N, C-alpha and C. Protein backbone atom coordinates (compact mmCIF):
# COMPACT_ATOMS: atom_id res chain seq x y z
N MET A 1 88.81 28.95 22.90
CA MET A 1 90.16 28.41 22.79
C MET A 1 90.19 27.07 23.52
N SER A 2 90.82 26.09 22.93
CA SER A 2 90.85 24.74 23.49
C SER A 2 91.80 24.65 24.68
N HIS A 3 91.65 23.56 25.43
CA HIS A 3 92.56 23.32 26.55
C HIS A 3 93.99 23.17 26.05
N ALA A 4 94.15 22.52 24.91
CA ALA A 4 95.50 22.34 24.34
C ALA A 4 96.10 23.68 23.96
N ALA A 5 95.31 24.58 23.39
CA ALA A 5 95.80 25.91 23.01
C ALA A 5 96.22 26.69 24.25
N LEU A 6 95.43 26.59 25.32
CA LEU A 6 95.78 27.28 26.56
C LEU A 6 97.07 26.72 27.15
N ALA A 7 97.21 25.40 27.12
CA ALA A 7 98.43 24.77 27.61
C ALA A 7 99.63 25.17 26.76
N LEU A 8 99.44 25.25 25.46
CA LEU A 8 100.50 25.68 24.55
C LEU A 8 100.91 27.11 24.83
N ARG A 9 99.94 28.00 24.99
CA ARG A 9 100.22 29.39 25.32
C ARG A 9 101.03 29.51 26.60
N ALA A 10 100.60 28.81 27.65
CA ALA A 10 101.31 28.86 28.92
C ALA A 10 102.74 28.32 28.79
N GLY A 11 102.89 27.22 28.06
CA GLY A 11 104.21 26.64 27.86
C GLY A 11 105.13 27.56 27.07
N LEU A 12 104.60 28.22 26.05
CA LEU A 12 105.39 29.18 25.26
C LEU A 12 105.86 30.34 26.13
N PHE A 13 104.94 30.91 26.88
CA PHE A 13 105.30 32.05 27.72
C PHE A 13 106.37 31.65 28.75
N ALA A 14 106.21 30.48 29.35
CA ALA A 14 107.20 30.03 30.35
C ALA A 14 108.56 29.83 29.72
N ARG A 15 108.61 29.16 28.57
CA ARG A 15 109.88 28.88 27.91
C ARG A 15 110.56 30.17 27.46
N LEU A 16 109.81 31.06 26.83
CA LEU A 16 110.40 32.31 26.34
C LEU A 16 110.85 33.21 27.48
N SER A 17 110.07 33.28 28.55
CA SER A 17 110.42 34.12 29.70
C SER A 17 111.67 33.64 30.41
N ALA A 18 111.97 32.35 30.29
CA ALA A 18 113.13 31.77 30.98
C ALA A 18 114.43 31.93 30.19
N ASP A 19 114.36 32.41 28.96
CA ASP A 19 115.57 32.51 28.14
C ASP A 19 116.30 33.83 28.39
N ALA A 20 117.51 33.73 28.91
CA ALA A 20 118.30 34.92 29.25
C ALA A 20 118.66 35.74 28.03
N ASP A 21 118.96 35.08 26.91
CA ASP A 21 119.33 35.81 25.70
C ASP A 21 118.15 36.64 25.19
N LEU A 22 116.96 36.04 25.15
CA LEU A 22 115.78 36.77 24.71
C LEU A 22 115.49 37.93 25.65
N THR A 23 115.58 37.68 26.95
CA THR A 23 115.33 38.73 27.93
C THR A 23 116.33 39.88 27.78
N SER A 24 117.58 39.55 27.46
CA SER A 24 118.56 40.62 27.26
C SER A 24 118.24 41.45 26.01
N ARG A 25 117.56 40.86 25.05
CA ARG A 25 117.20 41.56 23.81
C ARG A 25 115.98 42.46 23.97
N ILE A 26 114.97 42.00 24.72
CA ILE A 26 113.73 42.77 24.82
C ILE A 26 113.49 43.35 26.21
N GLY A 27 114.19 42.85 27.21
CA GLY A 27 113.97 43.28 28.58
C GLY A 27 113.11 42.28 29.34
N ALA A 28 113.18 42.36 30.65
CA ALA A 28 112.42 41.45 31.51
C ALA A 28 110.94 41.83 31.50
N ASN A 29 110.09 40.84 31.63
CA ASN A 29 108.64 41.04 31.74
C ASN A 29 108.06 41.81 30.55
N ARG A 30 108.49 41.45 29.35
CA ARG A 30 107.99 42.12 28.15
C ARG A 30 107.43 41.12 27.13
N ILE A 31 106.80 40.07 27.64
CA ILE A 31 106.12 39.09 26.79
C ILE A 31 104.65 39.11 27.18
N PHE A 32 103.78 39.39 26.19
CA PHE A 32 102.37 39.64 26.49
C PHE A 32 101.45 38.93 25.49
N ASP A 33 100.17 38.80 25.90
CA ASP A 33 99.11 38.46 24.96
C ASP A 33 98.80 39.71 24.13
N ALA A 34 98.72 40.82 24.80
CA ALA A 34 98.54 42.13 24.16
C ALA A 34 99.33 43.13 25.00
N ALA A 35 100.08 43.98 24.35
CA ALA A 35 100.92 44.93 25.08
C ALA A 35 100.07 45.97 25.80
N PRO A 36 100.42 46.25 27.04
CA PRO A 36 99.72 47.32 27.77
C PRO A 36 99.96 48.68 27.10
N ARG A 37 99.07 49.61 27.33
CA ARG A 37 99.27 50.97 26.80
C ARG A 37 100.59 51.54 27.32
N ASN A 38 101.22 52.30 26.47
CA ASN A 38 102.48 52.99 26.82
C ASN A 38 103.61 52.03 27.18
N GLN A 39 103.55 50.81 26.66
CA GLN A 39 104.61 49.83 26.91
C GLN A 39 105.91 50.28 26.26
N LYS A 40 107.01 50.16 26.98
CA LYS A 40 108.32 50.50 26.42
C LYS A 40 108.70 49.47 25.36
N PHE A 41 109.42 49.93 24.36
CA PHE A 41 109.91 49.07 23.29
C PHE A 41 111.29 48.57 23.65
N PRO A 42 111.70 47.40 23.17
CA PRO A 42 110.94 46.41 22.41
C PRO A 42 110.11 45.52 23.33
N PHE A 43 109.16 44.80 22.73
CA PHE A 43 108.38 43.82 23.47
C PHE A 43 107.87 42.76 22.50
N LEU A 44 107.45 41.62 23.05
CA LEU A 44 106.97 40.48 22.26
C LEU A 44 105.53 40.19 22.64
N VAL A 45 104.70 39.92 21.64
CA VAL A 45 103.32 39.51 21.89
C VAL A 45 103.00 38.22 21.14
N LEU A 46 102.09 37.46 21.71
CA LEU A 46 101.52 36.33 21.00
C LEU A 46 100.40 36.92 20.16
N ALA A 47 100.71 37.26 18.92
CA ALA A 47 99.80 38.02 18.07
C ALA A 47 98.69 37.17 17.47
N GLY A 48 98.86 35.87 17.44
CA GLY A 48 97.83 35.01 16.89
C GLY A 48 97.95 33.60 17.41
N LEU A 49 96.82 32.96 17.66
CA LEU A 49 96.79 31.56 18.07
C LEU A 49 95.47 30.96 17.61
N GLY A 50 95.55 30.07 16.64
CA GLY A 50 94.36 29.39 16.14
C GLY A 50 94.55 27.89 16.22
N SER A 51 93.47 27.18 16.45
CA SER A 51 93.53 25.72 16.61
C SER A 51 92.42 25.05 15.82
N ARG A 52 92.71 23.83 15.39
CA ARG A 52 91.69 23.02 14.72
C ARG A 52 91.99 21.55 14.98
N PRO A 53 90.97 20.72 14.99
CA PRO A 53 91.19 19.29 15.20
C PRO A 53 92.01 18.70 14.05
N LEU A 54 92.88 17.76 14.39
CA LEU A 54 93.64 17.05 13.35
C LEU A 54 92.74 16.10 12.58
N LEU A 55 91.86 15.44 13.30
CA LEU A 55 90.95 14.50 12.66
C LEU A 55 89.53 15.05 12.80
N THR A 56 88.68 14.37 13.51
CA THR A 56 87.31 14.87 13.64
C THR A 56 87.02 15.46 15.01
N ARG A 57 87.82 15.08 16.00
CA ARG A 57 87.57 15.56 17.36
C ARG A 57 88.87 16.09 17.96
N PRO A 58 88.79 17.17 18.78
CA PRO A 58 89.99 17.71 19.41
C PRO A 58 90.72 16.71 20.32
N ASP A 59 89.97 15.75 20.88
CA ASP A 59 90.63 14.78 21.76
C ASP A 59 91.50 13.79 20.98
N GLU A 60 91.50 13.89 19.65
CA GLU A 60 92.37 13.06 18.82
C GLU A 60 93.64 13.81 18.41
N GLY A 61 93.76 15.05 18.84
CA GLY A 61 94.92 15.87 18.52
C GLY A 61 94.49 17.15 17.83
N GLU A 62 95.33 18.17 17.93
CA GLU A 62 95.02 19.47 17.32
C GLU A 62 96.24 20.05 16.63
N ALA A 63 95.98 20.82 15.59
CA ALA A 63 97.02 21.61 14.93
C ALA A 63 96.80 23.06 15.34
N HIS A 64 97.88 23.76 15.63
CA HIS A 64 97.82 25.14 16.10
C HIS A 64 98.70 26.01 15.21
N GLU A 65 98.19 27.15 14.83
CA GLU A 65 98.95 28.15 14.09
C GLU A 65 99.19 29.31 15.06
N LEU A 66 100.46 29.68 15.22
CA LEU A 66 100.83 30.73 16.16
C LEU A 66 101.62 31.81 15.45
N VAL A 67 101.50 33.03 15.95
CA VAL A 67 102.31 34.13 15.45
C VAL A 67 102.88 34.87 16.64
N LEU A 68 104.21 34.91 16.71
CA LEU A 68 104.91 35.72 17.70
C LEU A 68 105.33 37.00 17.00
N ALA A 69 105.12 38.14 17.64
CA ALA A 69 105.49 39.41 17.03
C ALA A 69 106.32 40.22 18.02
N VAL A 70 107.40 40.80 17.51
CA VAL A 70 108.24 41.71 18.30
C VAL A 70 108.10 43.09 17.69
N PHE A 71 107.89 44.07 18.56
CA PHE A 71 107.78 45.47 18.15
C PHE A 71 108.99 46.23 18.67
N SER A 72 109.55 47.08 17.82
CA SER A 72 110.75 47.82 18.18
C SER A 72 110.71 49.20 17.53
N ARG A 73 111.33 50.16 18.21
CA ARG A 73 111.49 51.49 17.63
C ARG A 73 112.97 51.82 17.46
N ALA A 74 113.78 50.80 17.32
CA ALA A 74 115.20 51.01 17.04
C ALA A 74 115.33 51.61 15.63
N ALA A 75 116.53 52.08 15.31
CA ALA A 75 116.76 52.75 14.03
C ALA A 75 116.63 51.81 12.83
N SER A 76 116.73 50.50 13.05
CA SER A 76 116.57 49.53 11.97
C SER A 76 115.74 48.36 12.47
N ARG A 77 115.40 47.47 11.55
CA ARG A 77 114.60 46.30 11.91
C ARG A 77 115.41 45.22 12.61
N ASP A 78 116.72 45.42 12.75
CA ASP A 78 117.60 44.39 13.31
C ASP A 78 117.18 43.95 14.71
N GLU A 79 116.80 44.89 15.56
CA GLU A 79 116.42 44.54 16.93
C GLU A 79 115.19 43.64 16.94
N ALA A 80 114.15 44.03 16.23
CA ALA A 80 112.91 43.24 16.19
C ALA A 80 113.15 41.88 15.55
N LEU A 81 113.86 41.88 14.43
CA LEU A 81 114.11 40.63 13.71
C LEU A 81 114.99 39.70 14.53
N GLY A 82 116.03 40.23 15.16
CA GLY A 82 116.90 39.40 16.00
C GLY A 82 116.16 38.79 17.18
N ALA A 83 115.26 39.57 17.79
CA ALA A 83 114.51 39.06 18.94
C ALA A 83 113.51 37.99 18.54
N VAL A 84 112.81 38.19 17.43
CA VAL A 84 111.82 37.18 17.03
C VAL A 84 112.53 35.91 16.54
N GLN A 85 113.68 36.06 15.89
CA GLN A 85 114.45 34.88 15.49
C GLN A 85 114.93 34.13 16.72
N ARG A 86 115.36 34.86 17.75
CA ARG A 86 115.80 34.20 18.99
C ARG A 86 114.63 33.46 19.64
N ALA A 87 113.45 34.09 19.67
CA ALA A 87 112.28 33.44 20.27
C ALA A 87 111.96 32.13 19.54
N ALA A 88 111.99 32.17 18.23
CA ALA A 88 111.72 30.95 17.45
C ALA A 88 112.77 29.89 17.72
N GLN A 89 114.04 30.30 17.80
CA GLN A 89 115.12 29.35 18.05
C GLN A 89 115.00 28.70 19.42
N VAL A 90 114.62 29.49 20.42
CA VAL A 90 114.42 28.95 21.77
C VAL A 90 113.39 27.83 21.74
N LEU A 91 112.29 28.06 21.06
CA LEU A 91 111.21 27.07 21.02
C LEU A 91 111.60 25.83 20.22
N MET A 92 112.42 26.01 19.20
CA MET A 92 112.87 24.86 18.40
C MET A 92 113.92 24.04 19.16
N ASP A 93 114.82 24.74 19.86
CA ASP A 93 115.88 24.04 20.60
C ASP A 93 115.35 23.29 21.82
N GLU A 94 114.40 23.88 22.49
CA GLU A 94 113.84 23.27 23.69
C GLU A 94 112.33 23.52 23.71
N PRO A 95 111.58 22.67 23.04
CA PRO A 95 110.13 22.87 22.94
C PRO A 95 109.48 23.00 24.32
N PRO A 96 108.42 23.78 24.41
CA PRO A 96 107.76 23.99 25.70
C PRO A 96 107.09 22.73 26.22
N GLU A 97 107.02 22.65 27.54
CA GLU A 97 106.28 21.56 28.18
C GLU A 97 104.84 22.01 28.34
N LEU A 98 103.91 21.10 28.08
CA LEU A 98 102.49 21.42 28.15
C LEU A 98 101.82 20.61 29.24
N THR A 99 101.00 21.23 30.02
CA THR A 99 100.26 20.55 31.07
C THR A 99 99.04 19.85 30.46
N GLY A 100 98.98 18.53 30.61
CA GLY A 100 97.85 17.76 30.14
C GLY A 100 97.87 17.40 28.66
N HIS A 101 98.92 17.85 27.96
CA HIS A 101 99.02 17.59 26.52
C HIS A 101 100.48 17.32 26.17
N ARG A 102 100.66 16.72 25.02
CA ARG A 102 102.01 16.43 24.53
C ARG A 102 102.20 17.16 23.21
N LEU A 103 103.34 17.84 23.11
CA LEU A 103 103.68 18.53 21.86
C LEU A 103 104.30 17.50 20.93
N VAL A 104 103.61 17.20 19.84
CA VAL A 104 104.05 16.17 18.90
C VAL A 104 105.01 16.76 17.87
N GLY A 105 104.76 17.99 17.48
CA GLY A 105 105.61 18.63 16.48
C GLY A 105 105.53 20.14 16.58
N LEU A 106 106.63 20.79 16.20
CA LEU A 106 106.69 22.25 16.20
C LEU A 106 107.63 22.67 15.10
N GLN A 107 107.18 23.59 14.25
CA GLN A 107 108.06 24.08 13.20
C GLN A 107 107.80 25.56 12.93
N VAL A 108 108.85 26.25 12.55
CA VAL A 108 108.74 27.64 12.12
C VAL A 108 108.37 27.61 10.64
N THR A 109 107.31 28.29 10.27
CA THR A 109 106.88 28.29 8.87
C THR A 109 107.27 29.56 8.14
N GLU A 110 107.50 30.65 8.88
CA GLU A 110 107.87 31.90 8.22
C GLU A 110 108.36 32.91 9.24
N ILE A 111 109.33 33.72 8.84
CA ILE A 111 109.77 34.88 9.63
C ILE A 111 109.77 36.08 8.70
N THR A 112 109.11 37.15 9.14
CA THR A 112 109.00 38.36 8.32
C THR A 112 109.21 39.59 9.19
N SER A 113 109.48 40.72 8.54
CA SER A 113 109.54 41.99 9.26
C SER A 113 109.04 43.10 8.35
N ARG A 114 108.53 44.15 8.97
CA ARG A 114 108.07 45.30 8.20
C ARG A 114 108.05 46.55 9.07
N LEU A 115 108.09 47.69 8.41
CA LEU A 115 107.95 48.98 9.06
C LEU A 115 106.46 49.30 9.10
N LEU A 116 105.96 49.67 10.27
CA LEU A 116 104.54 49.96 10.40
C LEU A 116 104.20 51.34 9.84
N ARG A 117 102.94 51.62 9.71
CA ARG A 117 102.47 52.85 9.07
C ARG A 117 102.93 54.12 9.79
N ASP A 118 103.24 54.00 11.09
CA ASP A 118 103.69 55.20 11.80
C ASP A 118 105.08 55.65 11.36
N GLY A 119 105.76 54.80 10.59
CA GLY A 119 107.06 55.15 10.04
C GLY A 119 108.22 55.06 11.02
N ARG A 120 107.97 54.59 12.24
CA ARG A 120 109.06 54.47 13.21
C ARG A 120 109.06 53.18 14.01
N THR A 121 108.04 52.35 13.84
CA THR A 121 107.95 51.09 14.58
C THR A 121 108.13 49.92 13.63
N PHE A 122 109.04 49.03 13.98
CA PHE A 122 109.23 47.80 13.22
C PHE A 122 108.48 46.67 13.91
N ARG A 123 107.90 45.79 13.09
CA ARG A 123 107.22 44.58 13.58
C ARG A 123 107.85 43.40 12.87
N ALA A 124 108.40 42.48 13.65
CA ALA A 124 108.94 41.23 13.11
C ALA A 124 108.08 40.09 13.63
N GLU A 125 107.77 39.13 12.76
CA GLU A 125 106.89 38.03 13.12
C GLU A 125 107.53 36.68 12.82
N ALA A 126 107.27 35.75 13.70
CA ALA A 126 107.60 34.34 13.45
C ALA A 126 106.29 33.57 13.48
N SER A 127 105.98 32.91 12.38
CA SER A 127 104.80 32.06 12.31
C SER A 127 105.23 30.63 12.58
N LEU A 128 104.48 29.94 13.44
CA LEU A 128 104.81 28.58 13.82
C LEU A 128 103.60 27.69 13.69
N ARG A 129 103.86 26.42 13.50
CA ARG A 129 102.80 25.40 13.49
C ARG A 129 103.16 24.36 14.53
N ALA A 130 102.20 24.09 15.41
CA ALA A 130 102.39 23.09 16.46
C ALA A 130 101.30 22.04 16.35
N VAL A 131 101.65 20.82 16.71
CA VAL A 131 100.67 19.72 16.77
C VAL A 131 100.72 19.16 18.18
N THR A 132 99.53 19.04 18.79
CA THR A 132 99.45 18.51 20.15
C THR A 132 98.48 17.33 20.17
N GLU A 133 98.65 16.53 21.19
CA GLU A 133 97.69 15.45 21.45
C GLU A 133 97.51 15.36 22.95
N PRO A 134 96.35 14.89 23.41
CA PRO A 134 96.13 14.74 24.84
C PRO A 134 97.14 13.77 25.44
N GLN A 135 97.56 14.07 26.64
CA GLN A 135 98.48 13.17 27.33
C GLN A 135 97.70 11.97 27.83
N ALA A 136 98.27 10.81 27.65
CA ALA A 136 97.58 9.58 28.05
C ALA A 136 97.62 9.38 29.55
């Protein structure tokens, strides 16, 4: 994982953790890279993070594909979908600050939800695309 991807991850976690509305939806300290075993629902994970150079070298800028996922066992998908939509809105309204890099662009490319195979857990996802460049 590149330095820019690590900075992006840290900035996302800081921004999302600081949002009172999101915290009221999922609870405090429920944003993870991977959820711990027996984690209470709902919770949010950074389900995917991929990076590639914009041009030929990462020091010329990078494009990042991210997936935020909220898991819920509420009676409907509303809780998971509402939380992931809030997370995406937080990032669009106030993009994260990155250490050593500058966020050039951020956009939500898709929001989806589905019932998992266990028949009782909903997963809602927000897919995002970010572009970063090294800070001068």
